[in-house]
C-alpha atoms as a PDB file:
ATOM      1  CA  MET A   1      -9.027 -39.421 -20.145  1.00  0.00           C
ATOM      2  CA  ALA A   2      -8.072 -38.447 -16.616  1.00  0.00           C
ATOM      3  CA  GLU A   3      -9.385 -34.626 -15.522  1.00  0.00           C
ATOM      4  CA  PRO A   4      -6.627 -32.125 -15.087  1.00  0.00           C
ATOM      5  CA  PRO A   5      -6.165 -31.226 -11.437  1.00  0.00           C
ATOM      6  CA  LEU A   6      -7.700 -28.278 -10.012  1.00  0.00           C
ATOM      7  CA  GLN A   7      -5.618 -25.061  -9.638  1.00  0.00           C
ATOM      8  CA  PRO A   8      -5.656 -24.102  -6.391  1.00  0.00           C
ATOM      9  CA  PRO A   9      -7.679 -21.115  -5.203  1.00  0.00           C
ATOM     10  CA  LEU A  10      -5.001 -19.248  -3.613  1.00  0.00           C
ATOM     11  CA  GLN A  11      -2.687 -19.931  -6.623  1.00  0.00           C
ATOM     12  CA  PRO A  12      -1.443 -17.270  -9.115  1.00  0.00           C
ATOM     13  CA  PRO A  13      -1.241 -18.058 -12.526  1.00  0.00           C
ATOM     14  CA  ALA A  14       2.232 -17.548 -14.438  1.00  0.00           C
ATOM     15  CA  TYR A  15       2.632 -13.454 -15.071  1.00  0.00           C
ATOM     16  CA  PRO A  16       5.443 -12.025 -17.449  1.00  0.00           C
ATOM     17  CA  TYR A  17       7.104  -9.485 -15.103  1.00  0.00           C
ATOM     18  CA  GLY A  18       9.033  -7.946 -17.778  1.00  0.00           C
ATOM     19  CA  PRO A  19       9.176  -4.044 -17.884  1.00  0.00           C
ATOM     20  CA  VAL A  20       6.115  -2.830 -19.090  1.00  0.00           C
ATOM     21  CA  PRO A  21       4.263   0.940 -19.489  1.00  0.00           C
ATOM     22  CA  VAL A  22       3.408   2.646 -16.261  1.00  0.00           C
ATOM     23  CA  LEU A  23      -0.118   2.584 -17.218  1.00  0.00           C
ATOM     24  CA  ASP A  24       0.222  -1.009 -17.836  1.00  0.00           C
ATOM     25  CA  ILE A  25       1.788  -1.418 -14.235  1.00  0.00           C
ATOM     26  CA  VAL A  26      -1.220   0.651 -12.687  1.00  0.00           C
ATOM     27  CA  SER A  27      -3.380  -1.251 -14.823  1.00  0.00           C
ATOM     28  CA  PHE A  28      -2.067  -5.057 -13.678  1.00  0.00           C
ATOM     29  CA  GLY A  29      -1.990  -3.844 -10.339  1.00  0.00           C
ATOM     30  CA  PHE A  30      -5.843  -3.132  -9.974  1.00  0.00           C
ATOM     31  CA  ARG A  31      -6.779  -6.148 -11.946  1.00  0.00           C
ATOM     32  CA  GLN A  32      -5.089  -8.394  -9.490  1.00  0.00           C
ATOM     33  CA  PHE A  33      -6.534  -6.248  -6.646  1.00  0.00           C
ATOM     34  CA  ILE A  34      -9.810  -7.111  -8.097  1.00  0.00           C
ATOM     35  CA  ALA A  35      -8.846 -10.697  -8.479  1.00  0.00           C
ATOM     36  CA  GLN A  36      -8.044 -10.750  -4.821  1.00  0.00           C
ATOM     37  CA  ILE A  37     -10.342  -8.780  -3.425  1.00  0.00           C
ATOM     38  CA  LYS A  38     -12.103 -11.809  -1.268  1.00  0.00           C
ATOM     39  CA  PRO A  39      -8.804 -12.673   0.903  1.00  0.00           C
ATOM     40  CA  LEU A  40      -7.734  -8.714   1.037  1.00  0.00           C
ATOM     41  CA  ALA A  41     -11.156  -7.937   2.562  1.00  0.00           C
ATOM     42  CA  LEU A  42     -11.540 -10.974   4.852  1.00  0.00           C
ATOM     43  CA  LEU A  43      -7.772  -9.837   6.171  1.00  0.00           C
ATOM     44  CA  SER A  44      -9.207  -6.183   6.705  1.00  0.00           C
ATOM     45  CA  LEU A  45     -12.443  -6.967   8.070  1.00  0.00           C
ATOM     46  CA  PRO A  46     -11.839  -7.084  11.907  1.00  0.00           C
ATOM     47  CA  ILE A  47      -9.814  -3.694  11.771  1.00  0.00           C
ATOM     48  CA  ILE A  48     -12.394  -2.173   9.445  1.00  0.00           C
ATOM     49  CA  VAL A  49     -15.259  -2.535  11.675  1.00  0.00           C
ATOM     50  CA  SER A  50     -13.259  -1.971  15.091  1.00  0.00           C
ATOM     51  CA  ASN A  51     -12.015   1.301  13.734  1.00  0.00           C
ATOM     52  CA  THR A  52     -15.546   2.054  12.063  1.00  0.00           C
ATOM     53  CA  VAL A  53     -17.066   2.010  15.273  1.00  0.00           C
ATOM     54  CA  ILE A  54     -14.430   3.974  17.127  1.00  0.00           C
ATOM     55  CA  GLY A  55     -13.727   6.430  14.417  1.00  0.00           C
ATOM     56  CA  ALA A  56     -17.499   7.308  14.261  1.00  0.00           C
ATOM     57  CA  ALA A  57     -17.850   7.538  18.095  1.00  0.00           C
ATOM     58  CA  LEU A  58     -14.994   9.793  18.484  1.00  0.00           C
ATOM     59  CA  ASN A  59     -16.396  11.853  15.329  1.00  0.00           C
ATOM     60  CA  THR A  60     -19.683  12.011  17.322  1.00  0.00           C
ATOM     61  CA  LEU A  61     -18.149  13.644  20.400  1.00  0.00           C
ATOM     62  CA  GLN A  62     -16.314  16.028  18.581  1.00  0.00           C
ATOM     63  CA  LEU A  63     -19.589  17.073  16.710  1.00  0.00           C
ATOM     64  CA  ALA A  64     -21.062  17.563  19.792  1.00  0.00           C
ATOM     65  CA  PRO A  65     -19.304  19.788  22.613  1.00  0.00           C
ATOM     66  CA  ASP A  66     -22.599  20.843  24.456  1.00  0.00           C
ATOM     67  CA  ALA A  67     -23.248  17.355  25.696  1.00  0.00           C
ATOM     68  CA  MET A  68     -19.230  16.632  26.251  1.00  0.00           C
ATOM     69  CA  ASN A  69     -19.250  19.807  28.697  1.00  0.00           C
ATOM     70  CA  LYS A  70     -22.309  18.257  30.471  1.00  0.00           C
ATOM     71  CA  SER A  71     -20.970  15.206  31.711  1.00  0.00           C
ATOM     72  CA  VAL A  72     -17.684  14.099  33.107  1.00  0.00           C
ATOM     73  CA  ALA A  73     -18.335  10.399  32.430  1.00  0.00           C
ATOM     74  CA  THR A  74     -18.769  11.646  28.639  1.00  0.00           C
ATOM     75  CA  SER A  75     -15.197  13.152  29.006  1.00  0.00           C
ATOM     76  CA  MET A  76     -13.824   9.946  30.303  1.00  0.00           C
ATOM     77  CA  ALA A  77     -15.545   8.036  27.375  1.00  0.00           C
ATOM     78  CA  MET A  78     -13.945  10.278  25.356  1.00  0.00           C
ATOM     79  CA  VAL A  79     -10.291   9.788  26.879  1.00  0.00           C
ATOM     80  CA  ALA A  80     -11.285   6.037  26.940  1.00  0.00           C
ATOM     81  CA  LEU A  81     -11.735   6.235  22.816  1.00  0.00           C
ATOM     82  CA  ILE A  82      -8.626   8.369  22.088  1.00  0.00           C
ATOM     83  CA  GLY A  83      -6.572   5.600  23.916  1.00  0.00           C
ATOM     84  CA  ILE A  84      -8.441   2.718  21.474  1.00  0.00           C
ATOM     85  CA  GLN A  85      -8.241   4.856  18.473  1.00  0.00           C
ATOM     86  CA  LEU A  86      -4.155   5.015  18.867  1.00  0.00           C
ATOM     87  CA  VAL A  87      -4.409   1.210  19.753  1.00  0.00           C
ATOM     88  CA  ASN A  88      -6.408   0.706  16.095  1.00  0.00           C
ATOM     89  CA  TYR A  89      -3.890   3.292  14.687  1.00  0.00           C
ATOM     90  CA  LEU A  90      -1.138   0.114  15.407  1.00  0.00           C
ATOM     91  CA  LEU A  91      -3.648  -2.535  14.176  1.00  0.00           C
ATOM     92  CA  ILE A  92      -3.806  -0.763  10.885  1.00  0.00           C
ATOM     93  CA  ALA A  93      -0.056  -0.477  10.350  1.00  0.00           C
ATOM     94  CA  TYR A  94       0.078  -4.294  11.437  1.00  0.00           C
ATOM     95  CA  LEU A  95      -2.820  -4.647   8.354  1.00  0.00           C
ATOM     96  CA  VAL A  96      -0.213  -3.260   6.270  1.00  0.00           C
ATOM     97  CA  TYR A  97       2.287  -5.367   7.593  1.00  0.00           C
ATOM     98  CA  VAL A  98      -0.029  -8.788   6.851  1.00  0.00           C
ATOM     99  CA  TYR A  99      -1.227  -6.688   3.288  1.00  0.00           C
ATOM    100  CA  LEU A 100       2.642  -7.060   2.223  1.00  0.00           C
ATOM    101  CA  LYS A 101       3.450 -10.651   3.151  1.00  0.00           C
ATOM    102  CA  TYR A 102       0.218 -11.805   1.108  1.00  0.00           C
ATOM    103  CA  VAL A 103       1.296  -9.735  -1.734  1.00  0.00           C
ATOM    104  CA  CYS A 104       4.481 -10.838  -2.110  1.00  0.00           C
ATOM    105  CA  ASP A 105       3.879 -14.186  -1.718  1.00  0.00           C
ATOM    106  CA  TRP A 106       0.647 -13.870  -4.181  1.00  0.00           C
ATOM    107  CA  PHE A 107       3.347 -12.423  -6.933  1.00  0.00           C
ATOM    108  CA  ASN A 108       5.918 -15.060  -6.258  1.00  0.00           C
ATOM    109  CA  GLY A 109       3.456 -17.607  -6.409  1.00  0.00           C
ATOM    110  CA  GLN A 110       4.280 -18.820  -2.813  1.00  0.00           C
ATOM    111  CA  VAL A 111       0.426 -18.122  -1.151  1.00  0.00           C
ATOM    112  CA  GLY A 112      -0.113 -19.951   2.049  1.00  0.00           C
ATOM    113  CA  GLU A 113      -3.004 -22.810   2.521  1.00  0.00           C
ATOM    114  CA  HIS A 114      -4.890 -20.273   5.336  1.00  0.00           C
ATOM    115  CA  LEU A 115      -5.136 -16.400   5.335  1.00  0.00           C
ATOM    116  CA  TRP A 116      -5.085 -16.196   8.836  1.00  0.00           C
ATOM    117  CA  ASP A 117      -1.990 -17.816   9.096  1.00  0.00           C
ATOM    118  CA  TYR A 118      -0.372 -14.275   7.739  1.00  0.00           C
ATOM    119  CA  PHE A 119      -1.666 -12.472  10.310  1.00  0.00           C
ATOM    120  CA  GLN A 120       1.220 -14.377  12.600  1.00  0.00           C
ATOM    121  CA  PRO A 121       4.198 -12.335  12.662  1.00  0.00           C
ATOM    122  CA  ASP A 122       7.710 -13.929  11.408  1.00  0.00           C
ATOM    123  CA  ASP A 123      11.362 -12.406  11.228  1.00  0.00           C
ATOM    124  CA  ARG A 124      10.293  -9.555   8.810  1.00  0.00           C
ATOM    125  CA  LEU A 125       8.434  -7.607  11.646  1.00  0.00           C
ATOM    126  CA  TRP A 126      11.250  -6.406  13.566  1.00  0.00           C
ATOM    127  CA  GLY A 127      12.731  -5.330  10.310  1.00  0.00           C
ATOM    128  CA  ALA A 128       9.719  -3.387   9.111  1.00  0.00           C
ATOM    129  CA  LEU A 129       9.218  -1.837  11.994  1.00  0.00           C
ATOM    130  CA  GLY A 130      13.019  -0.806  11.971  1.00  0.00           C
ATOM    131  CA  MET A 131      12.423   0.473   8.586  1.00  0.00           C
ATOM    132  CA  GLY A 132       9.682   2.579   9.585  1.00  0.00           C
ATOM    133  CA  LEU A 133      11.481   4.145  12.211  1.00  0.00           C
ATOM    134  CA  ILE A 134      13.958   4.995   9.432  1.00  0.00           C
ATOM    135  CA  TYR A 135      11.478   6.313   7.618  1.00  0.00           C
ATOM    136  CA  GLY A 136       9.568   8.373  10.383  1.00  0.00           C
ATOM    137  CA  VAL A 137      13.046   9.954  11.817  1.00  0.00           C
ATOM    138  CA  VAL A 138      14.067  10.986   7.909  1.00  0.00           C
ATOM    139  CA  SER A 139      10.802  12.209   7.469  1.00  0.00           C
ATOM    140  CA  LEU A 140      10.904  14.044  10.613  1.00  0.00           C
ATOM    141  CA  VAL A 141      14.208  15.767  10.065  1.00  0.00           C
ATOM    142  CA  LEU A 142      13.606  16.871   6.716  1.00  0.00           C
ATOM    143  CA  GLY A 143      10.225  17.873   7.567  1.00  0.00           C
ATOM    144  CA  LEU A 144      11.144  20.586  10.432  1.00  0.00           C
ATOM    145  CA  ILE A 145      14.559  21.506   7.984  1.00  0.00           C
ATOM    146  CA  THR A 146      11.921  22.141   5.293  1.00  0.00           C
ATOM    147  CA  VAL A 147       9.803  24.481   7.706  1.00  0.00           C
ATOM    148  CA  VAL A 148      12.708  26.563   8.753  1.00  0.00           C
ATOM    149  CA  GLY A 149      13.743  26.833   5.231  1.00  0.00           C
ATOM    150  CA  PHE A 150      10.318  27.885   4.087  1.00  0.00           C
ATOM    151  CA  PHE A 151      10.581  30.927   5.391  1.00  0.00           C
ATOM    152  CA  LEU A 152      13.886  31.644   3.411  1.00  0.00           C
ATOM    153  CA  ILE A 153      12.039  30.718   0.182  1.00  0.00           C
ATOM    154  CA  LEU A 154      14.802  28.742  -1.662  1.00  0.00           C
ATOM    155  CA  PRO A 155      16.365  26.836   1.067  1.00  0.00           C
ATOM    156  CA  GLY A 156      12.388  25.517   1.520  1.00  0.00           C
ATOM    157  CA  LEU A 157      12.145  24.597  -2.194  1.00  0.00           C
ATOM    158  CA  VAL A 158      15.300  22.801  -2.098  1.00  0.00           C
ATOM    159  CA  MET A 159      14.502  20.595   0.921  1.00  0.00           C
ATOM    160  CA  VAL A 160      11.211  20.326  -0.683  1.00  0.00           C
ATOM    161  CA  LEU A 161      13.025  18.966  -3.620  1.00  0.00           C
ATOM    162  CA  VAL A 162      15.681  16.821  -1.630  1.00  0.00           C
ATOM    163  CA  ASP A 163      12.686  15.184   0.358  1.00  0.00           C
ATOM    164  CA  VAL A 164      10.926  14.200  -2.965  1.00  0.00           C
ATOM    165  CA  TYR A 165      14.042  12.775  -4.295  1.00  0.00           C
ATOM    166  CA  LEU A 166      15.059  10.701  -1.337  1.00  0.00           C
ATOM    167  CA  SER A 167      11.463   9.724  -1.144  1.00  0.00           C
ATOM    168  CA  LEU A 168      11.364   8.124  -4.938  1.00  0.00           C
ATOM    169  CA  ARG A 169      15.085   6.583  -4.357  1.00  0.00           C
ATOM    170  CA  PHE A 170      13.822   4.968  -1.384  1.00  0.00           C
ATOM    171  CA  SER A 171      10.225   4.160  -2.527  1.00  0.00           C
ATOM    172  CA  GLN A 172      10.876   0.548  -2.771  1.00  0.00           C
ATOM    173  CA  ALA A 173      12.985  -0.254   0.044  1.00  0.00           C
ATOM    174  CA  MET A 174      10.092  -2.090   1.808  1.00  0.00           C
ATOM    175  CA  MET A 175       9.190  -4.207  -1.275  1.00  0.00           C
ATOM    176  CA  VAL A 176      12.413  -5.054  -1.742  1.00  0.00           C
ATOM    177  CA  TYR A 177      12.433  -6.170   2.135  1.00  0.00           C
ATOM    178  CA  PHE A 178       9.413  -8.479   1.463  1.00  0.00           C
ATOM    179  CA  MET A 179      10.101  -9.713  -1.953  1.00  0.00           C
ATOM    180  CA  GLU A 180      13.655 -10.878  -1.435  1.00  0.00           C
ATOM    181  CA  PRO A 181      13.927 -12.980   2.350  1.00  0.00           C
ATOM    182  CA  LYS A 182      17.591 -13.066   2.216  1.00  0.00           C
ATOM    183  CA  ILE A 183      17.739  -9.627   2.218  1.00  0.00           C
ATOM    184  CA  GLY A 184      18.724  -7.032   5.275  1.00  0.00           C
ATOM    185  CA  VAL A 185      16.995  -3.743   5.979  1.00  0.00           C
ATOM    186  CA  MET A 186      20.105  -1.841   5.208  1.00  0.00           C
ATOM    187  CA  ALA A 187      20.424  -3.223   1.802  1.00  0.00           C
ATOM    188  CA  ALA A 188      16.687  -3.108   1.136  1.00  0.00           C
ATOM    189  CA  PHE A 189      17.515   0.989   0.907  1.00  0.00           C
ATOM    190  CA  GLY A 190      20.583   0.062  -1.229  1.00  0.00           C
ATOM    191  CA  LYS A 191      18.964  -1.800  -3.312  1.00  0.00           C
ATOM    192  CA  SER A 192      15.737   0.360  -3.562  1.00  0.00           C
ATOM    193  CA  TRP A 193      18.314   3.306  -4.593  1.00  0.00           C
ATOM    194  CA  ARG A 194      20.406   1.341  -7.121  1.00  0.00           C
ATOM    195  CA  LEU A 195      16.258   0.579  -8.513  1.00  0.00           C
ATOM    196  CA  VAL A 196      14.974   3.722  -8.710  1.00  0.00           C
ATOM    197  CA  ASN A 197      18.283   4.991 -10.273  1.00  0.00           C
ATOM    198  CA  HIS A 198      17.881   8.552 -12.576  1.00  0.00           C
ATOM    199  CA  ASP A 199      16.292   6.650 -15.502  1.00  0.00           C
ATOM    200  CA  GLN A 200      13.690   5.818 -13.709  1.00  0.00           C
ATOM    201  CA  LEU A 201      12.770   8.914 -11.372  1.00  0.00           C
ATOM    202  CA  TRP A 202      10.008  10.160 -13.674  1.00  0.00           C
ATOM    203  CA  ARG A 203       8.595   6.914 -14.431  1.00  0.00           C
ATOM    204  CA  VAL A 204       8.276   6.090 -10.550  1.00  0.00           C
ATOM    205  CA  LEU A 205       6.966   9.700  -9.867  1.00  0.00           C
ATOM    206  CA  GLY A 206       4.172   9.366 -12.790  1.00  0.00           C
ATOM    207  CA  LEU A 207       2.897   6.191 -11.136  1.00  0.00           C
ATOM    208  CA  GLY A 208       3.241   7.531  -7.625  1.00  0.00           C
ATOM    209  CA  LEU A 209       1.096  10.555  -9.003  1.00  0.00           C
ATOM    210  CA  MET A 210      -1.484   8.688 -11.097  1.00  0.00           C
ATOM    211  CA  MET A 211      -2.053   6.689  -8.113  1.00  0.00           C
ATOM    212  CA  THR A 212      -2.601   9.517  -5.798  1.00  0.00           C
ATOM    213  CA  ILE A 213      -5.234  10.888  -8.265  1.00  0.00           C
ATOM    214  CA  ILE A 214      -7.279   7.466  -8.662  1.00  0.00           C
ATOM    215  CA  ILE A 215      -7.245   6.895  -4.818  1.00  0.00           C
ATOM    216  CA  SER A 216      -8.523  11.000  -4.342  1.00  0.00           C
ATOM    217  CA  LEU A 217     -11.517  10.337  -6.874  1.00  0.00           C
ATOM    218  CA  LEU A 218     -12.081   7.005  -5.001  1.00  0.00           C
ATOM    219  CA  SER A 219     -12.738   9.164  -1.902  1.00  0.00           C
ATOM    220  CA  VAL A 220     -14.590  11.839  -3.574  1.00  0.00           C
ATOM    221  CA  PRO A 221     -18.013   9.938  -2.014  1.00  0.00           C
ATOM    222  CA  ALA A 222     -17.023   9.860   1.648  1.00  0.00           C
ATOM    223  CA  ILE A 223     -15.290  13.297   1.618  1.00  0.00           C
ATOM    224  CA  ILE A 224     -18.644  14.509  -0.035  1.00  0.00           C
ATOM    225  CA  LEU A 225     -21.024  12.246   3.187  1.00  0.00           C
ATOM    226  CA  GLU A 226     -18.345  13.775   5.636  1.00  0.00           C
ATOM    227  CA  ALA A 227     -19.219  17.517   4.533  1.00  0.00           C
ATOM    228  CA  SER A 228     -22.869  16.629   4.456  1.00  0.00           C
ATOM    229  CA  ILE A 229     -22.765  15.476   8.128  1.00  0.00           C
ATOM    230  CA  GLY A 230     -20.808  18.267   9.358  1.00  0.00           C
ATOM    231  CA  VAL A 231     -23.395  20.688   8.191  1.00  0.00           C
ATOM    232  CA  PHE A 232     -26.190  18.770   9.637  1.00  0.00           C
ATOM    233  CA  SER A 233     -24.754  18.833  13.070  1.00  0.00           C
ATOM    234  CA  VAL A 234     -24.852  22.534  12.689  1.00  0.00           C
ATOM    235  CA  VAL A 235     -28.537  23.251  11.259  1.00  0.00           C
ATOM    236  CA  GLY A 236     -29.957  20.221  12.979  1.00  0.00           C
ATOM    237  CA  ASN A 237     -29.613  21.284  16.012  1.00  0.00           C
ATOM    238  CA  GLY A 238     -32.630  23.291  16.397  1.00  0.00           C
ATOM    239  CA  PHE A 239     -35.377  20.914  14.777  1.00  0.00           C
ATOM    240  CA  MET A 240     -34.130  17.523  15.288  1.00  0.00           C
ATOM    241  CA  GLY A 241     -33.788  17.628  19.099  1.00  0.00           C
ATOM    242  CA  GLY A 242     -32.625  14.149  20.732  1.00  0.00           C
ATOM    243  CA  LEU A 243     -32.558  12.180  16.992  1.00  0.00           C
ATOM    244  CA  ARG A 244     -29.298  14.626  16.095  1.00  0.00           C
ATOM    245  CA  LEU A 245     -26.995  12.849  17.944  1.00  0.00           C
ATOM    246  CA  PRO A 246     -28.079   9.006  16.503  1.00  0.00           C
ATOM    247  CA  ILE A 247     -28.432  10.340  13.320  1.00  0.00           C
ATOM    248  CA  ILE A 248     -25.102  11.689  13.073  1.00  0.00           C
ATOM    249  CA  PHE A 249     -23.515   8.692  14.700  1.00  0.00           C
ATOM    250  CA  VAL A 250     -24.917   6.318  11.975  1.00  0.00           C
ATOM    251  CA  GLY A 251     -24.106   8.900   9.250  1.00  0.00           C
ATOM    252  CA  LEU A 252     -20.453   8.824  10.506  1.00  0.00           C
ATOM    253  CA  LEU A 253     -20.553   5.127  10.253  1.00  0.00           C
ATOM    254  CA  VAL A 254     -21.340   4.889   6.956  1.00  0.00           C
ATOM    255  CA  SER A 255     -18.792   7.543   5.904  1.00  0.00           C
ATOM    256  CA  THR A 256     -16.122   5.964   8.297  1.00  0.00           C
ATOM    257  CA  PHE A 257     -16.802   3.016   6.856  1.00  0.00           C
ATOM    258  CA  ILE A 258     -16.677   3.947   3.119  1.00  0.00           C
ATOM    259  CA  SER A 259     -13.217   5.834   3.850  1.00  0.00           C
ATOM    260  CA  LEU A 260     -11.674   3.023   5.457  1.00  0.00           C
ATOM    261  CA  VAL A 261     -12.285   0.590   2.643  1.00  0.00           C
ATOM    262  CA  ILE A 262     -10.877   3.230   0.528  1.00  0.00           C
ATOM    263  CA  HIS A 263      -7.994   4.017   2.426  1.00  0.00           C
ATOM    264  CA  LEU A 264      -7.151   0.287   3.559  1.00  0.00           C
ATOM    265  CA  MET A 265      -8.476  -1.951   0.888  1.00  0.00           C
ATOM    266  CA  PHE A 266      -8.058   0.466  -2.688  1.00  0.00           C
ATOM    267  CA  SER A 267      -5.107   2.575  -1.181  1.00  0.00           C
ATOM    268  CA  THR A 268      -2.845   0.062   0.486  1.00  0.00           C
ATOM    269  CA  GLY A 269      -4.347  -3.598  -1.070  1.00  0.00           C
ATOM    270  CA  ALA A 270      -4.243  -1.801  -4.374  1.00  0.00           C
ATOM    271  CA  GLY A 271      -1.463   0.331  -4.029  1.00  0.00           C
ATOM    272  CA  LEU A 272       0.688  -2.702  -2.819  1.00  0.00           C
ATOM    273  CA  MET A 273      -0.198  -4.589  -6.047  1.00  0.00           C
ATOM    274  CA  VAL A 274       0.659  -2.234  -8.101  1.00  0.00           C
ATOM    275  CA  GLN A 275       3.856  -1.190  -6.232  1.00  0.00           C
ATOM    276  CA  ALA A 276       5.035  -5.416  -6.145  1.00  0.00           C
ATOM    277  CA  ARG A 277       4.521  -5.271 -10.190  1.00  0.00           C
ATOM    278  CA  LEU A 278       6.860  -2.183 -10.233  1.00  0.00           C
ATOM    279  CA  TYR A 279       9.064  -3.959  -7.917  1.00  0.00           C
ATOM    280  CA  LYS A 280       9.505  -6.711 -10.939  1.00  0.00           C
ATOM    281  CA  ASP A 281       9.391  -4.056 -13.331  1.00  0.00           C
ATOM    282  CA  LEU A 282      12.307  -2.077 -12.155  1.00  0.00           C
ATOM    283  CA  VAL A 283      14.504  -5.447 -11.440  1.00  0.00           C
ATOM    284  CA  HIS A 284      14.104  -6.471 -14.753  1.00  0.00           C
ATOM    285  CA  ARG A 285      14.926  -2.800 -16.123  1.00  0.00           C
ATOM    286  CA  LEU A 286      18.578  -3.363 -14.085  1.00  0.00           C
ATOM    287  CA  ALA A 287      18.951  -6.933 -14.886  1.00  0.00           C
ATOM    288  CA  HIS A 288      22.679  -6.539 -14.695  1.00  0.00           C
ATOM    289  CA  VAL A 289      22.487  -6.588 -11.306  1.00  0.00           C
ATOM    290  CA  PRO A 290      22.005  -9.537  -9.612  1.00  0.00           C
ATOM    291  CA  SER A 291      18.742 -10.700  -7.369  1.00  0.00           C
ATOM    292  CA  ASP A 292      18.868 -12.111  -4.299  1.00  0.00           C
ATOM    293  CA  TYR A 293      15.701 -13.710  -5.316  1.00  0.00           C
ATOM    294  CA  PRO A 294      15.892 -15.604  -8.478  1.00  0.00           C
ATOM    295  CA  VAL A 295      13.107 -15.256 -11.166  1.00  0.00           C
ATOM    296  CA  SER A 296      12.700 -18.314 -13.636  1.00  0.00           C
ATOM    297  CA  GLN A 297      12.871 -17.481 -17.544  1.00  0.00           C
ATOM    298  CA  ALA A 298       9.353 -18.835 -17.583  1.00  0.00           C
ATOM    299  CA  ALA A 299       8.455 -15.791 -15.176  1.00  0.00           C
ATOM    300  CA  LEU A 300      10.663 -13.274 -17.272  1.00  0.00           C
ATOM    301  CA  LEU A 301       8.912 -14.151 -20.373  1.00  0.00           C
ATOM    302  CA  GLY A 302       5.979 -16.240 -20.060  1.00  0.00           C
ATOM    303  CA  ASP A 303       4.144 -17.350 -23.590  1.00  0.00           C
ATOM    304  CA  ASP A 304       3.404 -14.894 -26.676  1.00  0.00           C
ATOM    305  CA  GLY A 305      -0.264 -14.000 -25.684  1.00  0.00           C
ATOM    306  CA  VAL A 306       0.523 -13.059 -21.941  1.00  0.00           C
ATOM    307  CA  ASN A 307       3.413 -10.869 -23.399  1.00  0.00           C
ATOM    308  CA  GLN A 308       1.180  -8.908 -25.738  1.00  0.00           C
ATOM    309  CA  GLN A 309      -1.485  -8.434 -23.001  1.00  0.00           C
ATOM    310  CA  PHE A 310       0.442  -7.093 -20.799  1.00  0.00           C
ATOM    311  CA  GLY A 311       2.741  -5.060 -23.284  1.00  0.00           C
ATOM    312  CA  ASN A 312       6.029  -6.989 -22.698  1.00  0.00           C
ATOM    313  CA  THR A 313       8.616  -5.769 -25.079  1.00  0.00           C
ATOM    314  CA  LEU A 314      11.468  -8.167 -24.295  1.00  0.00           C
ATOM    315  CA  SER A 315      12.449 -10.821 -26.407  1.00  0.00           C
ATOM    316  CA  GLN A 316      14.801 -13.919 -26.097  1.00  0.00           C
ATOM    317  CA  ASP A 317      17.453 -11.875 -27.820  1.00  0.00           C
ATOM    318  CA  THR A 318      17.147  -9.399 -24.819  1.00  0.00           C
ATOM    319  CA  LEU A 319      17.311 -11.757 -22.066  1.00  0.00           C
ATOM    320  CA  SER A 320      20.566 -12.828 -23.038  1.00  0.00           C
ATOM    321  CA  GLN A 321      23.378 -13.669 -20.728  1.00  0.00           C
ATOM    322  CA  ASP A 322      24.634 -10.221 -20.834  1.00  0.00           C
ATOM    323  CA  THR A 323      21.706  -8.540 -19.577  1.00  0.00           C
ATOM    324  CA  LEU A 324      20.531 -11.205 -16.867  1.00  0.00           C
ATOM    325  CA  PRO A 325      22.536 -13.016 -13.815  1.00  0.00           C
ATOM    326  CA  GLN A 326      23.692 -16.444 -14.656  1.00  0.00           C
ATOM    327  CA  ASP A 327      21.024 -17.722 -11.814  1.00  0.00           C
ATOM    328  CA  THR A 328      18.065 -16.576 -13.533  1.00  0.00           C
ATOM    329  CA  LEU A 329      18.288 -19.018 -16.802  1.00  0.00           C
ATOM    330  CA  PRO A 330      17.729 -22.304 -16.694  1.00  0.00           C
ATOM    331  CA  GLN A 331      21.571 -24.521 -17.503  1.00  0.00           C
ATOM    332  CA  ASP A 332      19.835 -25.683 -20.510  1.00  0.00           C
ATOM    333  CA  THR A 333      19.740 -22.132 -22.405  1.00  0.00           C
ATOM    334  CA  VAL A 334      22.816 -20.835 -21.018  1.00  0.00           C
END
């Protein structure tokens, strides 16, 4: 008997993307992150290494004001490092864009053959930049209004609530834009508004708080290490002499590396996996709204074992013509 063909290493298995509890969404997202940690690490490695070195150098200079004042060359180097750091911030933003493409392709079963292809820009880059600009402008305006209203207490509280509300309603816009190739920028905002309706606000808020707590706990080692280095930079000046700055630099290399791994890989990588699973959940909870990215019935239901594993409570009766758009069901079942 012929052996079955090997499954491509980057080809995801079929998952049931129906509605599940928030805990299952977070658990599923982190499990997929762990399963994909190698390709995500390879995508992150160049930016993590460059940011680690630059960040450690900048922080070392900031902790050594005496050395900075003694040399004009060091001050010039400081300016150069700041410029490089700004470039690194742009690289981090681009890495998020790369992550988004990979995660969405993974969930849609369309992962490319070569990881480095994800660094090549496509048409979605400009839309993503536009969405980022819209997010930034709206956040800035709401932030300024909140600061002004803070002194009046009640208006400030109202603006904080408005800010949180709008952030939740539009939280899926970027994921919608990348998951649904044919959708436009403004249509993605509108789709997010429909997905995160009033029935789903508390679920999305709870998921966000849960992710914040998890990432905060993961960040504790880096925070402790950075605090220890700060204390050493003060008390070690008297007895370490010329070894003080090299020791500080090495310590900051380690702490910066840990911090970047946590915030880029765990916070961004795992966070996007969770957000992608949440998107699938919200789409199926709002199944009467036609999706621009058709989903097969197999992806909706999966087999019984997988449904039970991920807590999928949908049944064949639930996924009827009354609740699903016609293009999501095979013709022989309609």
